[in-house]
Amino acid sequence: QVRLVESRGGLVQAGGSLRLSCAASGISFSINAMDWYRQTPGKRRETVASITSGGVTNYADSVKDRFTISRDNARNTLYLQMNNLRPEDTAVYYCSTRPQYIRYWGQGTQVTVAS
């Protein structure tokens, strides 16, 4: 059974930093690409960042140069370091992966950035 568990998000002031983590189980973590998504009420869930099994990363333009996705294959854990946070980054953040063409999601964690 695939399980993705995000760390608790939180409330941070604009310009601040926050690191999210996602513990994965039930998959061969090291061979799977991993993603972070986010969603705000009334909007579609959007990709924030992705990392391949080989460590190649990709970012949404809105977070480029502020967010960093990384992975620790020894710990089966995915990370998202978020710096210089803006109020528009406020959203529920989801960890996700799609092994064998089935997409799995974590439960989501709320990040709120106060102006």
N, C-alpha and C. Protein backbone atom coordinates (compact mmCIF):
# COMPACT_ATOMS: atom_id res chain seq x y z
N GLN A 1 0.84 -1.18 0.00
CA GLN A 1 0.00 0.00 0.00
C GLN A 1 0.89 1.25 0.00
N VAL A 2 0.65 2.11 -0.99
CA VAL A 2 1.44 3.33 -1.09
C VAL A 2 0.94 4.34 -0.06
N ARG A 3 1.88 4.93 0.66
CA ARG A 3 1.53 5.94 1.66
C ARG A 3 2.50 7.09 1.55
N LEU A 4 1.93 8.29 1.46
CA LEU A 4 2.72 9.52 1.42
C LEU A 4 2.25 10.40 2.56
N VAL A 5 3.16 10.78 3.44
CA VAL A 5 2.77 11.55 4.62
C VAL A 5 3.60 12.83 4.67
N GLU A 6 2.93 13.96 4.47
CA GLU A 6 3.62 15.25 4.52
C GLU A 6 3.78 15.71 5.96
N SER A 7 4.82 16.47 6.18
CA SER A 7 5.01 17.10 7.47
C SER A 7 4.01 18.24 7.63
N ARG A 8 3.89 18.71 8.86
CA ARG A 8 2.98 19.82 9.11
C ARG A 8 3.51 21.08 8.46
N GLY A 9 2.61 21.83 7.82
CA GLY A 9 3.00 23.12 7.25
C GLY A 9 3.01 24.16 8.35
N GLY A 10 2.40 25.28 8.07
CA GLY A 10 2.33 26.28 9.12
C GLY A 10 2.09 27.67 8.59
N LEU A 11 2.18 28.60 9.53
CA LEU A 11 1.99 30.01 9.23
C LEU A 11 3.35 30.70 9.28
N VAL A 12 3.66 31.44 8.23
CA VAL A 12 4.95 32.12 8.16
C VAL A 12 4.74 33.52 7.60
N GLN A 13 5.58 34.43 7.99
CA GLN A 13 5.50 35.80 7.48
C GLN A 13 6.08 35.86 6.07
N ALA A 14 5.59 36.77 5.29
CA ALA A 14 6.15 36.98 3.95
C ALA A 14 7.65 37.22 4.05
N GLY A 15 8.38 36.59 3.16
CA GLY A 15 9.82 36.67 3.18
C GLY A 15 10.48 35.57 3.99
N GLY A 16 9.69 34.83 4.72
CA GLY A 16 10.21 33.76 5.55
C GLY A 16 10.43 32.47 4.78
N SER A 17 10.82 31.45 5.52
CA SER A 17 11.15 30.15 4.93
C SER A 17 10.42 29.04 5.67
N LEU A 18 10.25 27.94 4.95
CA LEU A 18 9.60 26.77 5.52
C LEU A 18 10.09 25.56 4.73
N ARG A 19 10.29 24.45 5.41
CA ARG A 19 10.66 23.21 4.70
C ARG A 19 9.59 22.17 4.95
N LEU A 20 9.08 21.62 3.88
CA LEU A 20 8.14 20.51 3.95
C LEU A 20 8.88 19.21 3.67
N SER A 21 8.42 18.15 4.29
CA SER A 21 8.95 16.83 3.99
C SER A 21 7.80 15.87 3.71
N CYS A 22 8.11 14.80 3.05
CA CYS A 22 7.11 13.79 2.69
C CYS A 22 7.76 12.43 2.84
N ALA A 23 7.25 11.65 3.77
CA ALA A 23 7.76 10.30 3.98
C ALA A 23 6.96 9.32 3.13
N ALA A 24 7.66 8.54 2.33
CA ALA A 24 7.00 7.62 1.41
C ALA A 24 7.21 6.18 1.86
N SER A 25 6.19 5.37 1.67
CA SER A 25 6.30 3.94 1.93
C SER A 25 5.41 3.21 0.93
N GLY A 26 5.72 1.93 0.74
CA GLY A 26 4.93 1.12 -0.18
C GLY A 26 5.33 1.25 -1.63
N ILE A 27 6.40 2.01 -1.89
CA ILE A 27 6.91 2.13 -3.26
C ILE A 27 8.41 1.98 -3.23
N SER A 28 8.97 1.70 -4.40
CA SER A 28 10.42 1.72 -4.54
C SER A 28 10.82 3.18 -4.75
N PHE A 29 11.01 3.87 -3.65
CA PHE A 29 11.15 5.32 -3.67
C PHE A 29 12.24 5.77 -4.62
N SER A 30 13.38 5.12 -4.58
CA SER A 30 14.55 5.62 -5.30
C SER A 30 14.37 5.61 -6.81
N ILE A 31 13.47 4.80 -7.32
CA ILE A 31 13.33 4.69 -8.78
C ILE A 31 12.15 5.49 -9.32
N ASN A 32 11.46 6.19 -8.44
CA ASN A 32 10.28 6.93 -8.86
C ASN A 32 10.48 8.43 -8.82
N ALA A 33 9.98 9.10 -9.86
CA ALA A 33 9.93 10.55 -9.82
C ALA A 33 8.93 10.97 -8.74
N MET A 34 9.21 12.11 -8.14
CA MET A 34 8.35 12.63 -7.07
C MET A 34 7.99 14.07 -7.38
N ASP A 35 6.83 14.48 -6.90
CA ASP A 35 6.32 15.81 -7.21
C ASP A 35 5.75 16.48 -5.97
N TRP A 36 5.79 17.78 -5.99
CA TRP A 36 5.01 18.61 -5.06
C TRP A 36 3.97 19.38 -5.88
N TYR A 37 2.74 19.36 -5.40
CA TYR A 37 1.65 20.14 -5.97
C TYR A 37 1.12 21.08 -4.90
N ARG A 38 0.31 22.04 -5.33
CA ARG A 38 -0.40 22.87 -4.37
C ARG A 38 -1.77 23.25 -4.95
N GLN A 39 -2.65 23.58 -4.04
CA GLN A 39 -4.01 23.94 -4.45
C GLN A 39 -4.60 24.97 -3.50
N THR A 40 -5.26 25.97 -4.10
CA THR A 40 -6.00 26.95 -3.33
C THR A 40 -7.48 26.79 -3.67
N PRO A 41 -8.36 27.23 -2.79
CA PRO A 41 -9.80 27.05 -3.02
C PRO A 41 -10.24 27.64 -4.36
N GLY A 42 -10.99 26.86 -5.10
CA GLY A 42 -11.53 27.32 -6.38
C GLY A 42 -10.57 27.22 -7.54
N LYS A 43 -9.36 26.74 -7.29
CA LYS A 43 -8.37 26.62 -8.36
C LYS A 43 -7.96 25.18 -8.55
N ARG A 44 -7.43 24.90 -9.73
CA ARG A 44 -6.93 23.54 -10.01
C ARG A 44 -5.63 23.31 -9.27
N ARG A 45 -5.40 22.05 -8.93
CA ARG A 45 -4.14 21.69 -8.31
C ARG A 45 -3.03 21.89 -9.34
N GLU A 46 -1.95 22.52 -8.93
CA GLU A 46 -0.86 22.82 -9.86
C GLU A 46 0.44 22.22 -9.39
N THR A 47 1.26 21.88 -10.36
CA THR A 47 2.57 21.35 -10.06
C THR A 47 3.47 22.48 -9.57
N VAL A 48 4.15 22.24 -8.48
CA VAL A 48 5.11 23.20 -7.93
C VAL A 48 6.52 22.83 -8.34
N ALA A 49 6.87 21.56 -8.13
CA ALA A 49 8.22 21.11 -8.43
C ALA A 49 8.22 19.60 -8.61
N SER A 50 9.18 19.14 -9.39
CA SER A 50 9.32 17.71 -9.64
C SER A 50 10.79 17.33 -9.57
N ILE A 51 11.03 16.08 -9.23
CA ILE A 51 12.40 15.56 -9.23
C ILE A 51 12.37 14.14 -9.74
N THR A 52 13.26 13.85 -10.68
CA THR A 52 13.31 12.51 -11.24
C THR A 52 14.09 11.58 -10.30
N SER A 53 14.11 10.32 -10.65
CA SER A 53 14.87 9.36 -9.86
C SER A 53 16.36 9.70 -9.90
N GLY A 54 16.79 10.33 -10.97
CA GLY A 54 18.19 10.71 -11.10
C GLY A 54 18.52 12.07 -10.52
N GLY A 55 17.51 12.74 -9.95
CA GLY A 55 17.77 14.02 -9.30
C GLY A 55 17.59 15.24 -10.18
N VAL A 56 17.08 15.05 -11.39
CA VAL A 56 16.82 16.20 -12.25
C VAL A 56 15.55 16.90 -11.76
N THR A 57 15.63 18.20 -11.61
CA THR A 57 14.52 18.96 -11.03
C THR A 57 13.86 19.87 -12.05
N ASN A 58 12.62 20.19 -11.76
CA ASN A 58 11.86 21.12 -12.60
C ASN A 58 10.92 21.91 -11.70
N TYR A 59 10.75 23.20 -12.01
CA TYR A 59 9.96 24.06 -11.15
C TYR A 59 8.95 24.87 -11.95
N ALA A 60 7.85 25.18 -11.30
CA ALA A 60 6.92 26.15 -11.87
C ALA A 60 7.61 27.52 -11.89
N ASP A 61 7.30 28.30 -12.88
CA ASP A 61 7.94 29.61 -13.00
C ASP A 61 7.72 30.46 -11.75
N SER A 62 6.58 30.30 -11.12
CA SER A 62 6.24 31.14 -9.98
C SER A 62 7.10 30.87 -8.75
N VAL A 63 7.77 29.72 -8.71
CA VAL A 63 8.57 29.38 -7.53
C VAL A 63 10.05 29.23 -7.85
N LYS A 64 10.38 29.35 -9.12
CA LYS A 64 11.78 29.17 -9.53
C LYS A 64 12.66 30.15 -8.78
N ASP A 65 13.81 29.68 -8.35
CA ASP A 65 14.81 30.47 -7.61
C ASP A 65 14.40 30.76 -6.18
N ARG A 66 13.22 30.28 -5.76
CA ARG A 66 12.81 30.44 -4.35
C ARG A 66 12.62 29.10 -3.66
N PHE A 67 12.15 28.10 -4.41
CA PHE A 67 11.88 26.78 -3.84
C PHE A 67 12.93 25.80 -4.35
N THR A 68 13.25 24.81 -3.51
CA THR A 68 14.17 23.74 -3.90
C THR A 68 13.58 22.40 -3.51
N ILE A 69 13.43 21.53 -4.49
CA ILE A 69 12.98 20.16 -4.23
C ILE A 69 14.21 19.27 -4.13
N SER A 70 14.16 18.32 -3.20
CA SER A 70 15.27 17.38 -3.05
C SER A 70 14.72 16.07 -2.50
N ARG A 71 15.57 15.07 -2.53
CA ARG A 71 15.15 13.76 -2.05
C ARG A 71 16.29 13.08 -1.33
N ASP A 72 15.93 12.27 -0.35
CA ASP A 72 16.89 11.44 0.38
C ASP A 72 16.42 10.01 0.19
N ASN A 73 17.06 9.32 -0.74
CA ASN A 73 16.60 7.96 -1.05
C ASN A 73 16.85 6.99 0.10
N ALA A 74 17.85 7.27 0.91
CA ALA A 74 18.13 6.39 2.05
C ALA A 74 17.01 6.47 3.09
N ARG A 75 16.34 7.61 3.14
CA ARG A 75 15.27 7.82 4.11
C ARG A 75 13.88 7.76 3.49
N ASN A 76 13.83 7.49 2.16
CA ASN A 76 12.53 7.49 1.46
C ASN A 76 11.74 8.77 1.72
N THR A 77 12.44 9.88 1.65
CA THR A 77 11.83 11.16 2.00
C THR A 77 12.08 12.20 0.92
N LEU A 78 11.03 12.94 0.64
CA LEU A 78 11.06 14.04 -0.31
C LEU A 78 10.98 15.35 0.47
N TYR A 79 11.65 16.38 -0.02
CA TYR A 79 11.65 17.67 0.67
C TYR A 79 11.27 18.79 -0.30
N LEU A 80 10.77 19.86 0.29
CA LEU A 80 10.56 21.10 -0.45
C LEU A 80 10.99 22.25 0.46
N GLN A 81 12.11 22.85 0.13
CA GLN A 81 12.59 24.02 0.85
C GLN A 81 12.00 25.25 0.18
N MET A 82 11.27 26.04 0.95
CA MET A 82 10.59 27.22 0.41
C MET A 82 11.17 28.46 1.07
N ASN A 83 11.79 29.30 0.28
CA ASN A 83 12.39 30.54 0.77
C ASN A 83 11.67 31.74 0.16
N ASN A 84 11.87 32.88 0.81
CA ASN A 84 11.27 34.12 0.32
C ASN A 84 9.78 33.94 -0.01
N LEU A 85 9.07 33.37 0.94
CA LEU A 85 7.66 33.06 0.72
C LEU A 85 6.83 34.31 0.54
N ARG A 86 5.82 34.17 -0.29
CA ARG A 86 4.92 35.27 -0.62
C ARG A 86 3.49 34.89 -0.23
N PRO A 87 2.63 35.87 0.00
CA PRO A 87 1.23 35.53 0.31
C PRO A 87 0.58 34.65 -0.74
N GLU A 88 0.96 34.81 -1.99
CA GLU A 88 0.37 34.00 -3.06
C GLU A 88 0.84 32.55 -3.03
N ASP A 89 1.80 32.22 -2.17
CA ASP A 89 2.21 30.82 -1.99
C ASP A 89 1.28 30.10 -1.02
N THR A 90 0.37 30.82 -0.38
CA THR A 90 -0.58 30.19 0.52
C THR A 90 -1.41 29.16 -0.22
N ALA A 91 -1.41 27.93 0.28
CA ALA A 91 -2.10 26.83 -0.39
C ALA A 91 -1.98 25.58 0.47
N VAL A 92 -2.69 24.55 0.06
CA VAL A 92 -2.45 23.22 0.60
C VAL A 92 -1.44 22.55 -0.34
N TYR A 93 -0.38 22.05 0.24
CA TYR A 93 0.70 21.43 -0.53
C TYR A 93 0.59 19.91 -0.41
N TYR A 94 0.76 19.26 -1.56
CA TYR A 94 0.63 17.81 -1.64
C TYR A 94 1.89 17.18 -2.22
N CYS A 95 2.29 16.11 -1.61
CA CYS A 95 3.32 15.24 -2.16
C CYS A 95 2.64 14.22 -3.07
N SER A 96 3.29 13.86 -4.16
CA SER A 96 2.65 12.96 -5.10
C SER A 96 3.69 12.16 -5.88
N THR A 97 3.26 10.99 -6.32
CA THR A 97 4.08 10.18 -7.21
C THR A 97 3.17 9.34 -8.09
N ARG A 98 3.72 8.87 -9.20
CA ARG A 98 2.91 8.10 -10.14
C ARG A 98 3.67 6.87 -10.61
N PRO A 99 3.85 5.90 -9.71
CA PRO A 99 4.48 4.65 -10.15
C PRO A 99 3.50 3.84 -10.98
N GLN A 100 3.94 3.30 -12.07
CA GLN A 100 3.11 2.44 -12.90
C GLN A 100 1.79 3.11 -13.30
N TYR A 101 1.85 4.40 -13.57
CA TYR A 101 0.74 5.16 -14.17
C TYR A 101 -0.45 5.37 -13.23
N ILE A 102 -0.33 5.06 -11.95
CA ILE A 102 -1.35 5.37 -10.97
C ILE A 102 -0.80 6.47 -10.08
N ARG A 103 -1.52 7.59 -10.00
CA ARG A 103 -1.01 8.70 -9.20
C ARG A 103 -1.50 8.58 -7.76
N TYR A 104 -0.59 8.78 -6.86
CA TYR A 104 -0.88 8.74 -5.44
C TYR A 104 -0.63 10.11 -4.83
N TRP A 105 -1.40 10.42 -3.79
CA TRP A 105 -1.32 11.72 -3.13
C TRP A 105 -1.16 11.56 -1.63
N GLY A 106 -0.45 12.50 -1.04
CA GLY A 106 -0.47 12.61 0.40
C GLY A 106 -1.75 13.29 0.85
N GLN A 107 -1.86 13.49 2.15
CA GLN A 107 -3.09 14.07 2.70
C GLN A 107 -3.12 15.58 2.55
N GLY A 108 -1.99 16.17 2.23
CA GLY A 108 -1.91 17.62 2.07
C GLY A 108 -1.58 18.32 3.38
N THR A 109 -0.88 19.44 3.26
CA THR A 109 -0.53 20.22 4.43
C THR A 109 -0.69 21.71 4.10
N GLN A 110 -1.27 22.45 5.02
CA GLN A 110 -1.59 23.85 4.79
C GLN A 110 -0.36 24.72 5.05
N VAL A 111 -0.06 25.56 4.08
CA VAL A 111 0.97 26.59 4.25
C VAL A 111 0.27 27.94 4.08
N THR A 112 0.43 28.78 5.07
CA THR A 112 -0.18 30.11 5.03
C THR A 112 0.92 31.15 5.19
N VAL A 113 0.96 32.08 4.25
CA VAL A 113 1.96 33.14 4.28
C VAL A 113 1.24 34.45 4.55
N ALA A 114 1.59 35.07 5.65
CA ALA A 114 0.95 36.33 6.05
C ALA A 114 1.74 37.51 5.50
N SER A 115 1.01 38.49 5.04
CA SER A 115 1.67 39.68 4.48
C SER A 115 2.04 40.67 5.57
